[in-house]
Amino acid sequence: MSSTWRLLSPQYEFRLIWKLASFWLAFACCFLWLFSATSITFGKLCWDSGFGYV
């Protein structure tokens, strides 16, 4: 019973949630950074090719 209680303790849950949240936050930041870098590069390529005037 004590091991089950330790798993369900608020401190353990908070630590687990914090780990998951920080992981997803880092993942979202990486994804946004990659997306913005790709779109900026793609937009620059389009602009240099002349598509920016359409």
N, C-alpha and C. Protein backbone atom coordinates (compact mmCIF):
# COMPACT_ATOMS: atom_id res chain seq x y z
N MET A 1 0.84 -1.20 0.00
CA MET A 1 0.00 0.00 0.00
C MET A 1 0.87 1.25 0.00
N SER A 2 2.00 1.19 0.69
CA SER A 2 2.85 2.38 0.79
C SER A 2 3.44 2.74 -0.57
N SER A 3 3.79 1.73 -1.38
CA SER A 3 4.36 2.01 -2.70
C SER A 3 3.31 2.64 -3.61
N THR A 4 2.07 2.15 -3.51
CA THR A 4 0.99 2.73 -4.31
C THR A 4 0.73 4.16 -3.89
N TRP A 5 0.77 4.41 -2.59
CA TRP A 5 0.54 5.76 -2.09
C TRP A 5 1.64 6.70 -2.56
N ARG A 6 2.86 6.18 -2.63
CA ARG A 6 3.98 7.01 -3.06
C ARG A 6 3.79 7.40 -4.54
N LEU A 7 3.26 6.47 -5.33
CA LEU A 7 3.03 6.76 -6.75
C LEU A 7 1.93 7.80 -6.93
N LEU A 8 0.95 7.77 -6.03
CA LEU A 8 -0.18 8.67 -6.17
C LEU A 8 -0.03 9.95 -5.36
N SER A 9 1.12 10.16 -4.75
CA SER A 9 1.31 11.36 -3.95
C SER A 9 1.36 12.59 -4.85
N PRO A 10 0.86 13.72 -4.37
CA PRO A 10 0.83 14.95 -5.18
C PRO A 10 2.20 15.39 -5.66
N GLN A 11 3.22 15.18 -4.82
CA GLN A 11 4.56 15.61 -5.20
C GLN A 11 5.04 14.83 -6.41
N TYR A 12 4.79 13.53 -6.42
CA TYR A 12 5.21 12.69 -7.54
C TYR A 12 4.45 13.08 -8.80
N GLU A 13 3.14 13.28 -8.66
CA GLU A 13 2.32 13.68 -9.80
C GLU A 13 2.78 15.02 -10.35
N PHE A 14 3.09 15.95 -9.46
CA PHE A 14 3.55 17.26 -9.89
C PHE A 14 4.85 17.14 -10.67
N ARG A 15 5.76 16.31 -10.17
CA ARG A 15 7.04 16.13 -10.84
C ARG A 15 6.84 15.50 -12.22
N LEU A 16 5.93 14.53 -12.31
CA LEU A 16 5.64 13.87 -13.58
C LEU A 16 5.03 14.86 -14.57
N ILE A 17 4.06 15.64 -14.10
CA ILE A 17 3.42 16.65 -14.95
C ILE A 17 4.43 17.69 -15.40
N TRP A 18 5.32 18.09 -14.49
CA TRP A 18 6.34 19.08 -14.82
C TRP A 18 7.28 18.55 -15.89
N LYS A 19 7.67 17.27 -15.78
CA LYS A 19 8.54 16.66 -16.79
C LYS A 19 7.85 16.62 -18.14
N LEU A 20 6.60 16.18 -18.15
CA LEU A 20 5.85 16.11 -19.40
C LEU A 20 5.66 17.49 -20.01
N ALA A 21 5.32 18.47 -19.17
CA ALA A 21 5.09 19.82 -19.66
C ALA A 21 6.37 20.42 -20.24
N SER A 22 7.48 20.23 -19.55
CA SER A 22 8.74 20.79 -20.04
C SER A 22 9.15 20.11 -21.34
N PHE A 23 8.89 18.80 -21.45
CA PHE A 23 9.20 18.08 -22.68
C PHE A 23 8.38 18.62 -23.84
N TRP A 24 7.06 18.79 -23.63
CA TRP A 24 6.20 19.28 -24.70
C TRP A 24 6.51 20.73 -25.04
N LEU A 25 6.90 21.51 -24.04
CA LEU A 25 7.27 22.91 -24.29
C LEU A 25 8.52 22.97 -25.16
N ALA A 26 9.51 22.16 -24.83
CA ALA A 26 10.73 22.12 -25.63
C ALA A 26 10.43 21.63 -27.05
N PHE A 27 9.57 20.63 -27.16
CA PHE A 27 9.19 20.10 -28.47
C PHE A 27 8.48 21.17 -29.30
N ALA A 28 7.56 21.91 -28.66
CA ALA A 28 6.83 22.96 -29.37
C ALA A 28 7.76 24.09 -29.80
N CYS A 29 8.71 24.45 -28.94
CA CYS A 29 9.66 25.50 -29.29
C CYS A 29 10.52 25.08 -30.47
N CYS A 30 11.00 23.84 -30.45
CA CYS A 30 11.81 23.34 -31.57
C CYS A 30 10.99 23.32 -32.85
N PHE A 31 9.74 22.88 -32.76
CA PHE A 31 8.88 22.81 -33.94
C PHE A 31 8.62 24.20 -34.50
N LEU A 32 8.31 25.16 -33.62
CA LEU A 32 8.06 26.53 -34.07
C LEU A 32 9.31 27.14 -34.68
N TRP A 33 10.47 26.88 -34.07
CA TRP A 33 11.71 27.42 -34.60
C TRP A 33 12.00 26.85 -35.98
N LEU A 34 11.83 25.54 -36.14
CA LEU A 34 12.05 24.90 -37.44
C LEU A 34 11.06 25.43 -38.47
N PHE A 35 9.79 25.57 -38.06
CA PHE A 35 8.75 26.03 -38.97
C PHE A 35 9.03 27.45 -39.43
N SER A 36 9.40 28.33 -38.50
CA SER A 36 9.67 29.72 -38.86
C SER A 36 10.91 29.82 -39.74
N ALA A 37 11.95 29.06 -39.41
CA ALA A 37 13.17 29.08 -40.22
C ALA A 37 12.88 28.58 -41.63
N THR A 38 12.07 27.53 -41.74
CA THR A 38 11.73 26.98 -43.05
C THR A 38 10.88 27.97 -43.84
N SER A 39 9.88 28.57 -43.20
CA SER A 39 9.01 29.49 -43.91
C SER A 39 9.75 30.75 -44.33
N ILE A 40 10.67 31.23 -43.48
CA ILE A 40 11.46 32.42 -43.83
C ILE A 40 12.35 32.10 -45.03
N THR A 41 13.00 30.95 -45.00
CA THR A 41 13.87 30.56 -46.11
C THR A 41 13.06 30.37 -47.38
N PHE A 42 11.90 29.72 -47.25
CA PHE A 42 11.05 29.48 -48.41
C PHE A 42 10.52 30.80 -48.97
N GLY A 43 10.12 31.71 -48.07
CA GLY A 43 9.64 33.02 -48.50
C GLY A 43 10.72 33.82 -49.20
N LYS A 44 11.93 33.74 -48.70
CA LYS A 44 13.05 34.45 -49.33
C LYS A 44 13.33 33.88 -50.71
N LEU A 45 13.28 32.55 -50.82
CA LEU A 45 13.50 31.91 -52.12
C LEU A 45 12.42 32.34 -53.11
N CYS A 46 11.17 32.35 -52.66
CA CYS A 46 10.07 32.77 -53.53
C CYS A 46 10.25 34.22 -53.94
N TRP A 47 10.63 35.08 -52.99
CA TRP A 47 10.80 36.50 -53.28
C TRP A 47 11.94 36.70 -54.28
N ASP A 48 13.04 35.96 -54.09
CA ASP A 48 14.18 36.07 -55.00
C ASP A 48 13.84 35.54 -56.39
N SER A 49 12.93 34.58 -56.46
CA SER A 49 12.56 34.01 -57.75
C SER A 49 11.60 34.91 -58.51
N GLY A 50 11.00 35.87 -57.81
CA GLY A 50 10.06 36.78 -58.47
C GLY A 50 8.62 36.50 -58.13
N PHE A 51 8.37 35.48 -57.30
CA PHE A 51 6.99 35.18 -56.92
C PHE A 51 6.43 36.22 -55.96
N GLY A 52 7.31 37.01 -55.37
CA GLY A 52 6.87 38.03 -54.42
C GLY A 52 6.08 39.15 -55.08
N TYR A 53 6.18 39.26 -56.40
CA TYR A 53 5.49 40.34 -57.09
C TYR A 53 4.11 39.92 -57.58
N VAL A 54 3.78 38.63 -57.43
CA VAL A 54 2.48 38.16 -57.89
C VAL A 54 1.40 38.56 -56.90
